[in-house]
C-alpha atoms as a PDB file:
ATOM      1  CA  MET A   1       5.788-276.578 -77.125  1.00  0.00           C
ATOM      2  CA  VAL A   2       5.592-273.244 -75.334  1.00  0.00           C
ATOM      3  CA  ASN A   3       3.617-270.504 -77.036  1.00  0.00           C
ATOM      4  CA  LEU A   4       5.730-267.432 -76.180  1.00  0.00           C
ATOM      5  CA  LYS A   5       3.292-264.974 -77.755  1.00  0.00           C
ATOM      6  CA  ARG A   6       0.473-266.276 -75.571  1.00  0.00           C
ATOM      7  CA  LEU A   7       2.724-266.223 -72.510  1.00  0.00           C
ATOM      8  CA  THR A   8       3.821-262.598 -73.076  1.00  0.00           C
ATOM      9  CA  ASP A   9       0.253-261.497 -73.774  1.00  0.00           C
ATOM     10  CA  ARG A  10      -0.895-263.093 -70.512  1.00  0.00           C
ATOM     11  CA  ALA A  11       1.937-261.401 -68.597  1.00  0.00           C
ATOM     12  CA  LYS A  12       0.968-258.030 -70.083  1.00  0.00           C
ATOM     13  CA  GLN A  13      -2.658-258.588 -69.086  1.00  0.00           C
ATOM     14  CA  LEU A  14      -1.677-259.399 -65.504  1.00  0.00           C
ATOM     15  CA  VAL A  15       0.544-256.322 -65.224  1.00  0.00           C
ATOM     16  CA  GLN A  16      -2.242-254.079 -66.544  1.00  0.00           C
ATOM     17  CA  LYS A  17      -4.778-255.706 -64.224  1.00  0.00           C
ATOM     18  CA  ARG A  18      -2.563-254.886 -61.222  1.00  0.00           C
ATOM     19  CA  GLY A  19      -2.191-251.221 -62.197  1.00  0.00           C
ATOM     20  CA  GLY A  20       0.580-251.108 -64.778  1.00  0.00           C
ATOM     21  CA  THR A  21       4.340-251.117 -64.527  1.00  0.00           C
ATOM     22  CA  ASP A  22       4.499-248.332 -61.928  1.00  0.00           C
ATOM     23  CA  ALA A  23       2.303-250.319 -59.548  1.00  0.00           C
ATOM     24  CA  LEU A  24       4.412-253.396 -60.250  1.00  0.00           C
ATOM     25  CA  LYS A  25       7.571-251.484 -59.302  1.00  0.00           C
ATOM     26  CA  GLU A  26       5.908-250.227 -56.116  1.00  0.00           C
ATOM     27  CA  ASP A  27       4.881-253.786 -55.229  1.00  0.00           C
ATOM     28  CA  ALA A  28       8.438-255.012 -55.764  1.00  0.00           C
ATOM     29  CA  GLU A  29       9.826-252.218 -53.579  1.00  0.00           C
ATOM     30  CA  GLU A  30       7.305-253.008 -50.848  1.00  0.00           C
ATOM     31  CA  LEU A  31       8.190-256.714 -50.927  1.00  0.00           C
ATOM     32  CA  LYS A  32      11.884-255.835 -50.773  1.00  0.00           C
ATOM     33  CA  ASP A  33      11.258-253.686 -47.678  1.00  0.00           C
ATOM     34  CA  ILE A  34       9.320-256.521 -46.036  1.00  0.00           C
ATOM     35  CA  ALA A  35      12.106-259.008 -46.788  1.00  0.00           C
ATOM     36  CA  LYS A  36      14.760-256.696 -45.311  1.00  0.00           C
ATOM     37  CA  GLY A  37      12.647-255.769 -42.290  1.00  0.00           C
ATOM     38  CA  GLU A  38      12.591-257.303 -38.857  1.00  0.00           C
ATOM     39  CA  GLY A  39      10.471-260.239 -37.843  1.00  0.00           C
ATOM     40  CA  SER A  40      10.240-263.953 -38.338  1.00  0.00           C
ATOM     41  CA  LEU A  41       9.898-265.582 -41.722  1.00  0.00           C
ATOM     42  CA  LYS A  42       6.288-266.395 -40.866  1.00  0.00           C
ATOM     43  CA  ASP A  43       5.525-262.724 -40.098  1.00  0.00           C
ATOM     44  CA  LYS A  44       7.223-261.600 -43.309  1.00  0.00           C
ATOM     45  CA  ALA A  45       5.218-264.119 -45.318  1.00  0.00           C
ATOM     46  CA  LYS A  46       1.975-262.798 -43.824  1.00  0.00           C
ATOM     47  CA  GLN A  47       2.978-259.192 -44.581  1.00  0.00           C
ATOM     48  CA  ALA A  48       3.955-260.106 -48.140  1.00  0.00           C
ATOM     49  CA  THR A  49       0.629-261.882 -48.701  1.00  0.00           C
ATOM     50  CA  GLU A  50      -1.275-258.798 -47.583  1.00  0.00           C
ATOM     51  CA  ALA A  51       0.952-256.515 -49.661  1.00  0.00           C
ATOM     52  CA  VAL A  52       0.351-258.487 -52.851  1.00  0.00           C
ATOM     53  CA  LYS A  53      -3.417-258.373 -52.362  1.00  0.00           C
ATOM     54  CA  ASP A  54      -3.342-254.571 -52.737  1.00  0.00           C
ATOM     55  CA  PRO A  55      -1.598-253.513 -55.981  1.00  0.00           C
ATOM     56  CA  GLY A  56       0.606-250.434 -55.846  1.00  0.00           C
ATOM     57  CA  ALA A  57       1.974-248.537 -52.889  1.00  0.00           C
ATOM     58  CA  ARG A  58       1.209-249.311 -49.258  1.00  0.00           C
ATOM     59  CA  GLY A  59      -2.161-248.045 -48.132  1.00  0.00           C
ATOM     60  CA  GLU A  60      -2.580-246.190 -51.411  1.00  0.00           C
ATOM     61  CA  LYS A  61      -6.276-246.951 -51.723  1.00  0.00           C
ATOM     62  CA  GLU A  62      -7.141-246.288 -48.115  1.00  0.00           C
ATOM     63  CA  GLY A  63      -4.739-243.385 -47.601  1.00  0.00           C
ATOM     64  CA  LYS A  64      -3.465-244.802 -44.331  1.00  0.00           C
ATOM     65  CA  PRO A  65      -0.053-246.065 -43.251  1.00  0.00           C
ATOM     66  CA  PRO A  66       0.632-249.798 -43.224  1.00  0.00           C
ATOM     67  CA  GLU A  67      -0.011-251.795 -40.086  1.00  0.00           C
ATOM     68  CA  ARG A  68       3.048-253.173 -38.330  1.00  0.00           C
END
């Protein structure tokens, strides 16, 4: 049997760990841009992997534009 309370609590913890709902929205937008962008599927997968490692907007922590 699935414990929905435990599942929702875990999801909330993960969202907070990654910077909250605003950071989650920024991550989703960034992944959408990568998916719509040019390049092979392999290149897009690499970009998406790097994007997910850094919660929030592109280059937010470093203050630099993303590498392309």
